[in-house]
Amino acid sequence: MLKAPRTLTFKCAKCAKSVQVFLQKVSACSHIQPYQGICKCGEVKRHATGQKDAVQSYLESADGSWSHHH
């Protein structure tokens, strides 16, 4: 099984500069690989790959207190 990359780079939606997001710690399952980073302008960027409902739940959690459970 391929490992998820530890970092990804995106364009900030607020200032259009590049922002690097880092793989967050999760359980040892492959359902979701959540990423988070903060642009130099202060905008939080979150991204995830994996199971559709888990990804949607992560991206919709406004305060970042999301955690993955089975």
Protein backbone atom coordinates (compact mmCIF):
# COMPACT_ATOMS: atom_id res chain seq x y z
CA MET A 1 0.00 0.00 0.00
CA LEU A 2 1.30 3.46 -0.89
CA LYS A 3 1.95 5.90 1.93
CA ALA A 4 0.35 9.34 1.79
CA PRO A 5 2.79 12.18 1.16
CA ARG A 6 3.68 14.12 4.33
CA THR A 7 3.23 17.53 2.72
CA LEU A 8 1.20 19.00 -0.16
CA THR A 9 1.23 22.52 -1.58
CA PHE A 10 -1.85 24.51 -2.61
CA LYS A 11 -2.66 28.07 -3.61
CA CYS A 12 -4.25 30.10 -0.79
CA ALA A 13 -7.88 30.99 -1.52
CA LYS A 14 -7.47 34.32 0.26
CA CYS A 15 -4.15 35.73 -1.04
CA ALA A 16 -3.19 33.31 -3.87
CA LYS A 17 0.26 32.59 -2.35
CA SER A 18 1.36 28.98 -2.01
CA VAL A 19 0.60 27.31 1.30
CA GLN A 20 2.03 23.99 2.46
CA VAL A 21 -0.21 21.58 4.35
CA PHE A 22 1.11 18.77 6.53
CA LEU A 23 -0.28 15.28 7.09
CA GLN A 24 -2.00 15.17 10.48
CA LYS A 25 -1.75 12.24 12.90
CA VAL A 26 -4.68 9.84 12.64
CA SER A 27 -5.37 6.23 13.47
CA ALA A 28 -3.53 3.60 11.45
CA CYS A 29 -6.44 3.18 9.03
CA SER A 30 -6.58 4.21 5.41
CA HIS A 31 -10.07 5.79 5.52
CA ILE A 32 -8.73 9.34 5.59
CA GLN A 33 -5.48 11.26 5.35
CA PRO A 34 -6.15 14.78 6.70
CA TYR A 35 -3.80 17.70 6.01
CA GLN A 36 -3.66 21.15 7.54
CA GLY A 37 -1.48 24.22 7.20
CA ILE A 38 -1.56 27.98 7.71
CA CYS A 39 -0.71 30.48 5.00
CA LYS A 40 1.58 33.41 5.76
CA CYS A 41 -1.52 35.64 5.52
CA GLY A 42 -3.08 33.66 8.42
CA GLU A 43 -5.65 31.70 6.40
CA VAL A 44 -6.03 28.06 7.52
CA LYS A 45 -5.96 25.55 4.66
CA ARG A 46 -7.28 22.04 5.14
CA HIS A 47 -7.33 19.17 2.68
CA ALA A 48 -8.03 15.45 2.95
CA THR A 49 -8.02 12.33 0.83
CA GLY A 50 -9.81 9.08 1.51
CA GLN A 51 -13.35 7.93 2.23
CA LYS A 52 -15.83 10.55 0.97
CA ASP A 53 -17.92 10.94 4.16
CA ALA A 54 -14.83 11.11 6.40
CA VAL A 55 -13.25 13.74 4.13
CA GLN A 56 -16.47 15.79 4.09
CA SER A 57 -16.75 15.61 7.88
CA TYR A 58 -13.16 16.79 8.28
CA LEU A 59 -13.50 19.70 5.84
CA GLU A 60 -16.80 20.83 7.41
CA SER A 61 -15.46 20.87 10.99
CA ALA A 62 -15.04 24.61 11.41
CA ASP A 63 -12.94 24.65 14.59
CA GLY A 64 -10.39 21.98 13.65
CA SER A 65 -11.34 19.76 16.60
CA TRP A 66 -12.27 16.92 14.26
CA SER A 67 -11.03 13.43 15.07
CA HIS A 68 -11.46 10.14 13.23
CA HIS A 69 -13.31 7.31 14.97
CA HIS A 70 -14.60 3.91 13.85
